[in-house]
N, C-alpha and C. Protein backbone atom coordinates (compact mmCIF):
# COMPACT_ATOMS: atom_id res chain seq x y z
N UNK A 1 50.36 7.26 43.58
CA UNK A 1 49.73 6.99 44.82
C UNK A 1 50.85 7.01 46.20
N UNK A 2 50.86 6.21 46.71
CA UNK A 2 51.78 5.03 47.61
C UNK A 2 52.09 5.99 47.70
N UNK A 3 53.34 5.74 47.37
CA UNK A 3 54.76 6.58 47.17
C UNK A 3 55.06 7.81 47.62
N UNK A 4 53.92 8.69 47.61
CA UNK A 4 54.36 9.34 47.71
C UNK A 4 53.67 9.83 48.96
N UNK A 5 52.56 8.86 49.89
CA UNK A 5 52.23 9.10 50.91
C UNK A 5 53.64 8.92 52.11
N UNK A 6 53.71 7.58 51.44
CA UNK A 6 55.38 7.00 51.82
C UNK A 6 56.33 8.05 52.38
N UNK A 7 56.11 8.33 50.75
CA UNK A 7 57.66 9.76 51.59
C UNK A 7 57.74 10.77 51.56
N UNK A 8 56.27 11.20 51.70
CA UNK A 8 55.78 11.64 53.09
C UNK A 8 55.69 11.87 54.78
N UNK A 9 55.10 10.65 54.82
CA UNK A 9 55.00 9.97 56.60
C UNK A 9 56.55 10.30 56.81
N UNK A 10 57.73 9.57 55.50
CA UNK A 10 59.90 9.84 56.08
C UNK A 10 59.87 11.01 56.47
N UNK A 11 59.05 11.79 55.36
CA UNK A 11 60.03 12.99 55.63
C UNK A 11 59.36 13.50 56.98
N UNK A 12 58.08 13.27 57.37
CA UNK A 12 57.53 14.06 58.84
C UNK A 12 58.43 13.17 59.39
N UNK A 13 58.82 12.01 59.16
CA UNK A 13 59.87 12.13 61.17
C UNK A 13 60.98 11.72 60.88
N UNK A 14 61.23 11.97 59.62
CA UNK A 14 63.18 12.86 59.78
C UNK A 14 63.44 14.26 60.33
N UNK A 15 62.31 15.51 60.00
CA UNK A 15 61.87 16.69 60.38
C UNK A 15 60.84 16.95 61.07
N UNK A 16 61.12 15.73 62.37
CA UNK A 16 59.93 15.44 63.54
C UNK A 16 60.81 16.16 64.96
N UNK A 17 61.63 16.35 64.87
CA UNK A 17 62.91 16.66 66.07
C UNK A 17 63.86 16.80 65.41
N UNK A 18 64.52 17.08 67.10
CA UNK A 18 66.10 17.63 67.19
C UNK A 18 66.58 17.82 68.18
N UNK A 19 65.89 17.08 69.13
CA UNK A 19 66.32 17.03 71.05
C UNK A 19 67.28 16.50 71.74
N UNK A 20 67.34 15.44 71.12
CA UNK A 20 68.22 13.87 71.44
C UNK A 20 69.02 13.25 70.40
N UNK A 21 70.17 13.21 70.33
CA UNK A 21 70.40 11.55 69.47
C UNK A 21 69.87 10.32 69.93
N UNK A 22 69.76 9.52 69.45
CA UNK A 22 68.65 8.11 69.15
C UNK A 22 69.36 6.83 67.89
N UNK A 23 69.72 6.59 67.98
CA UNK A 23 69.47 5.26 67.06
C UNK A 23 68.14 4.04 66.80
N UNK A 24 68.16 4.75 65.08
CA UNK A 24 66.33 4.15 65.57
C UNK A 24 65.87 3.96 63.26
N UNK A 25 64.95 2.48 63.45
CA UNK A 25 65.36 1.66 62.24
C UNK A 25 63.96 2.08 61.94
N UNK A 26 63.04 2.43 61.01
CA UNK A 26 61.87 1.80 60.31
C UNK A 26 62.21 1.90 58.73
N UNK A 27 61.41 1.13 58.58
CA UNK A 27 61.35 0.26 57.11
C UNK A 27 59.44 0.45 56.43
N UNK A 28 59.58 0.93 56.06
CA UNK A 28 58.26 0.45 54.91
C UNK A 28 58.46 0.40 53.72
N UNK A 29 58.25 -0.97 54.08
CA UNK A 29 56.75 -1.92 52.09
C UNK A 29 55.65 -1.22 51.68
N UNK A 30 56.48 -1.96 49.89
CA UNK A 30 55.27 -0.92 49.19
C UNK A 30 53.84 -2.28 49.62
N UNK A 31 53.04 -2.07 48.89
CA UNK A 31 51.66 -3.10 49.66
C UNK A 31 52.57 -4.86 49.35
N UNK A 32 52.81 -5.45 48.12
CA UNK A 32 53.45 -6.31 47.65
C UNK A 32 54.98 -7.05 48.43
N UNK A 33 55.25 -5.70 49.70
CA UNK A 33 56.44 -6.05 49.94
C UNK A 33 57.75 -6.32 49.27
N UNK A 34 57.17 -5.45 47.88
CA UNK A 34 59.18 -6.33 46.79
C UNK A 34 59.80 -5.59 46.72
N UNK A 35 59.19 -3.87 47.36
CA UNK A 35 60.26 -2.68 47.69
C UNK A 35 60.25 -2.15 49.09
N UNK A 36 61.38 -2.17 48.71
CA UNK A 36 61.29 -1.73 50.92
C UNK A 36 61.93 -0.45 50.79
N UNK A 37 61.91 0.89 51.57
CA UNK A 37 62.65 1.71 51.62
C UNK A 37 63.12 1.85 53.56
N UNK A 38 64.23 1.63 53.76
CA UNK A 38 64.49 1.94 54.77
C UNK A 38 64.77 3.41 55.27
N UNK A 39 64.35 3.60 57.09
CA UNK A 39 64.81 4.89 57.03
C UNK A 39 65.71 4.68 58.01
N UNK A 40 67.25 5.58 58.62
CA UNK A 40 67.81 4.87 59.88
C UNK A 40 68.06 6.77 59.91
N UNK A 41 68.40 6.24 61.31
CA UNK A 41 69.34 7.63 62.32
C UNK A 41 69.61 7.22 63.42
N UNK A 42 70.84 7.44 62.21
CA UNK A 42 72.75 6.50 63.21
C UNK A 42 72.87 8.25 63.68
N UNK A 43 73.08 8.55 65.21
CA UNK A 43 73.37 9.15 65.89
C UNK A 43 73.28 10.55 65.44
N UNK A 44 72.40 10.80 65.19
CA UNK A 44 71.37 12.67 64.75
C UNK A 44 71.52 12.20 63.90
N UNK A 45 72.57 11.48 62.57
CA UNK A 45 71.78 11.78 61.32
C UNK A 45 70.89 10.89 60.39
N UNK A 46 70.10 11.01 59.32
CA UNK A 46 69.07 10.46 58.81
C UNK A 46 69.86 10.28 57.79
N UNK A 47 69.71 8.39 56.73
CA UNK A 47 69.66 7.91 55.91
C UNK A 47 68.55 7.30 55.62
N UNK A 48 69.06 6.95 54.28
CA UNK A 48 67.94 6.06 53.78
C UNK A 48 68.78 5.14 53.56
N UNK A 49 68.01 4.36 52.28
CA UNK A 49 68.19 2.38 51.30
C UNK A 49 66.91 2.98 50.65
N UNK A 50 67.12 1.80 49.58
CA UNK A 50 66.30 1.56 48.75
C UNK A 50 66.39 -0.15 48.13
N UNK A 51 65.33 -0.79 48.23
CA UNK A 51 65.83 -2.12 48.15
C UNK A 51 64.61 -2.45 47.21
N UNK A 52 65.21 -3.09 45.53
CA UNK A 52 63.90 -3.90 45.50
C UNK A 52 63.78 -5.37 44.93
N UNK A 53 62.83 -6.54 45.82
CA UNK A 53 63.15 -7.80 45.85
C UNK A 53 64.79 -8.42 46.30
N UNK A 54 64.65 -8.06 47.46
CA UNK A 54 65.97 -8.00 48.15
C UNK A 54 66.97 -7.44 47.35
N UNK A 55 67.49 -6.21 45.96
CA UNK A 55 68.67 -6.37 45.53
C UNK A 55 68.20 -4.54 45.91
N UNK A 56 69.74 -4.25 46.16
CA UNK A 56 70.12 -3.09 46.54
C UNK A 56 69.32 -1.96 45.45
N UNK A 57 69.03 -0.79 46.02
CA UNK A 57 68.39 -0.02 44.40
C UNK A 57 69.29 1.36 44.70
N UNK A 58 69.03 2.05 46.03
CA UNK A 58 70.53 2.28 46.95
C UNK A 58 70.26 2.65 48.02
N UNK A 59 71.81 2.55 48.18
CA UNK A 59 73.03 2.06 48.96
C UNK A 59 72.82 3.63 49.51
N UNK A 60 72.62 2.61 51.35
CA UNK A 60 72.05 3.84 52.55
C UNK A 60 73.34 5.74 51.47
N UNK A 61 72.22 7.11 51.98
CA UNK A 61 72.57 7.87 51.67
C UNK A 61 72.18 8.52 53.26
N UNK A 62 72.59 9.94 52.94
CA UNK A 62 72.89 11.02 54.18
C UNK A 62 71.60 11.36 54.02
N UNK A 63 70.13 12.05 54.90
CA UNK A 63 69.36 13.17 54.59
C UNK A 63 70.02 14.28 55.28
N UNK A 64 68.73 15.28 53.93
CA UNK A 64 68.95 16.98 54.83
C UNK A 64 69.82 17.40 53.11
N UNK A 65 69.91 19.28 54.06
CA UNK A 65 70.71 20.22 53.48
C UNK A 65 71.79 20.13 53.31
N UNK A 66 72.15 21.29 52.36
CA UNK A 66 73.47 22.17 52.85
C UNK A 66 73.30 23.47 52.05
N UNK A 67 73.00 24.56 52.44
CA UNK A 67 72.64 25.81 51.62
C UNK A 67 72.99 26.50 51.58
N UNK A 68 73.48 26.48 50.56
CA UNK A 68 74.81 27.94 49.36
C UNK A 68 75.20 28.96 50.80
N UNK A 69 74.43 29.44 51.96
CA UNK A 69 75.78 29.95 52.35
C UNK A 69 76.47 29.44 53.85
N UNK A 70 76.10 28.09 52.99
CA UNK A 70 76.83 27.40 54.70
C UNK A 70 76.47 26.39 55.60
N UNK A 71 74.81 27.07 55.28
CA UNK A 71 74.58 25.99 56.84
C UNK A 71 73.64 25.54 56.79
N UNK A 72 74.20 24.18 57.41
CA UNK A 72 73.19 22.61 57.49
C UNK A 72 72.33 22.45 58.24
N UNK A 73 71.45 21.79 57.36
CA UNK A 73 70.11 21.07 57.89
C UNK A 73 70.14 19.21 57.82
N UNK A 74 71.04 19.15 58.59
CA UNK A 74 71.77 17.71 57.69
C UNK A 74 72.52 16.38 59.15
N UNK A 75 71.26 17.20 60.79
CA UNK A 75 72.40 16.58 61.67
C UNK A 75 71.46 16.70 62.75
N UNK A 76 71.42 16.52 63.60
CA UNK A 76 70.68 16.46 65.13
C UNK A 76 69.43 16.06 65.77
N UNK A 77 69.26 14.14 64.90
CA UNK A 77 67.53 14.60 64.33
C UNK A 77 66.40 14.05 65.32
N UNK A 78 66.19 13.69 65.84
CA UNK A 78 64.98 12.59 66.45
C UNK A 78 64.27 12.03 65.88
N UNK A 79 64.42 10.55 66.55
CA UNK A 79 61.79 10.44 65.80
C UNK A 79 61.57 10.69 66.68
N UNK A 80 60.50 10.97 66.58
CA UNK A 80 59.12 11.00 67.51
C UNK A 80 58.14 9.78 68.25
N UNK A 81 58.61 10.11 66.93
CA UNK A 81 56.86 9.13 67.26
C UNK A 81 57.23 8.78 65.62
N UNK A 82 56.53 7.34 64.99
CA UNK A 82 56.13 6.41 63.70
C UNK A 82 55.27 5.37 63.87
N UNK A 83 54.30 5.91 63.39
CA UNK A 83 53.41 4.95 62.64
C UNK A 83 52.72 4.17 61.52
N UNK A 84 52.15 3.45 62.08
CA UNK A 84 51.72 2.36 60.03
C UNK A 84 50.22 2.35 60.12
N UNK A 85 49.45 2.61 58.68
CA UNK A 85 48.21 2.86 58.04
C UNK A 85 48.24 2.53 57.41
N UNK A 86 47.54 1.47 56.69
CA UNK A 86 47.24 1.17 55.11
C UNK A 86 46.53 2.09 54.80
N UNK A 87 45.59 2.26 53.53
CA UNK A 87 44.41 2.13 52.68
C UNK A 87 44.64 1.71 51.12
N UNK A 88 43.09 1.75 50.37
CA UNK A 88 42.82 0.57 49.37
C UNK A 88 42.71 1.59 48.72
N UNK A 89 42.88 2.51 47.75
CA UNK A 89 42.05 3.49 46.73
C UNK A 89 42.94 2.94 44.94
N UNK A 90 41.57 3.08 44.21
CA UNK A 90 41.84 3.73 42.67
C UNK A 90 42.30 4.73 42.16
N UNK A 91 42.89 4.75 41.49
CA UNK A 91 43.68 5.46 40.39
C UNK A 91 43.63 5.88 39.70
N UNK A 92 42.42 6.77 38.43
CA UNK A 92 42.91 7.00 37.56
C UNK A 92 43.82 7.92 36.57
N UNK A 93 44.38 8.05 35.77
CA UNK A 93 44.75 8.87 35.05
C UNK A 93 44.24 9.65 34.15
N UNK A 94 44.18 11.20 33.64
CA UNK A 94 43.36 11.82 33.82
C UNK A 94 43.67 12.00 32.59
């Protein structure tokens, strides 16, 4: 559940704007700090990487879409805002 929230926030940060280029890094940590997702914006191009216990799981990879008709949605972004919040919830499988 928490990873879905983190990914939602990450996606919102990625697609929140495209006015000017800026380099920005945001780190999302799991509650125990073992897992980390690093979001980076380099020259308007979004990248992410994932580590587990300081061990690389996903190397820096580009984010975006390339549509079959040739249109792209993978550059020209800027981070408009970033907020951190936490909550504790118990989830039981149905």
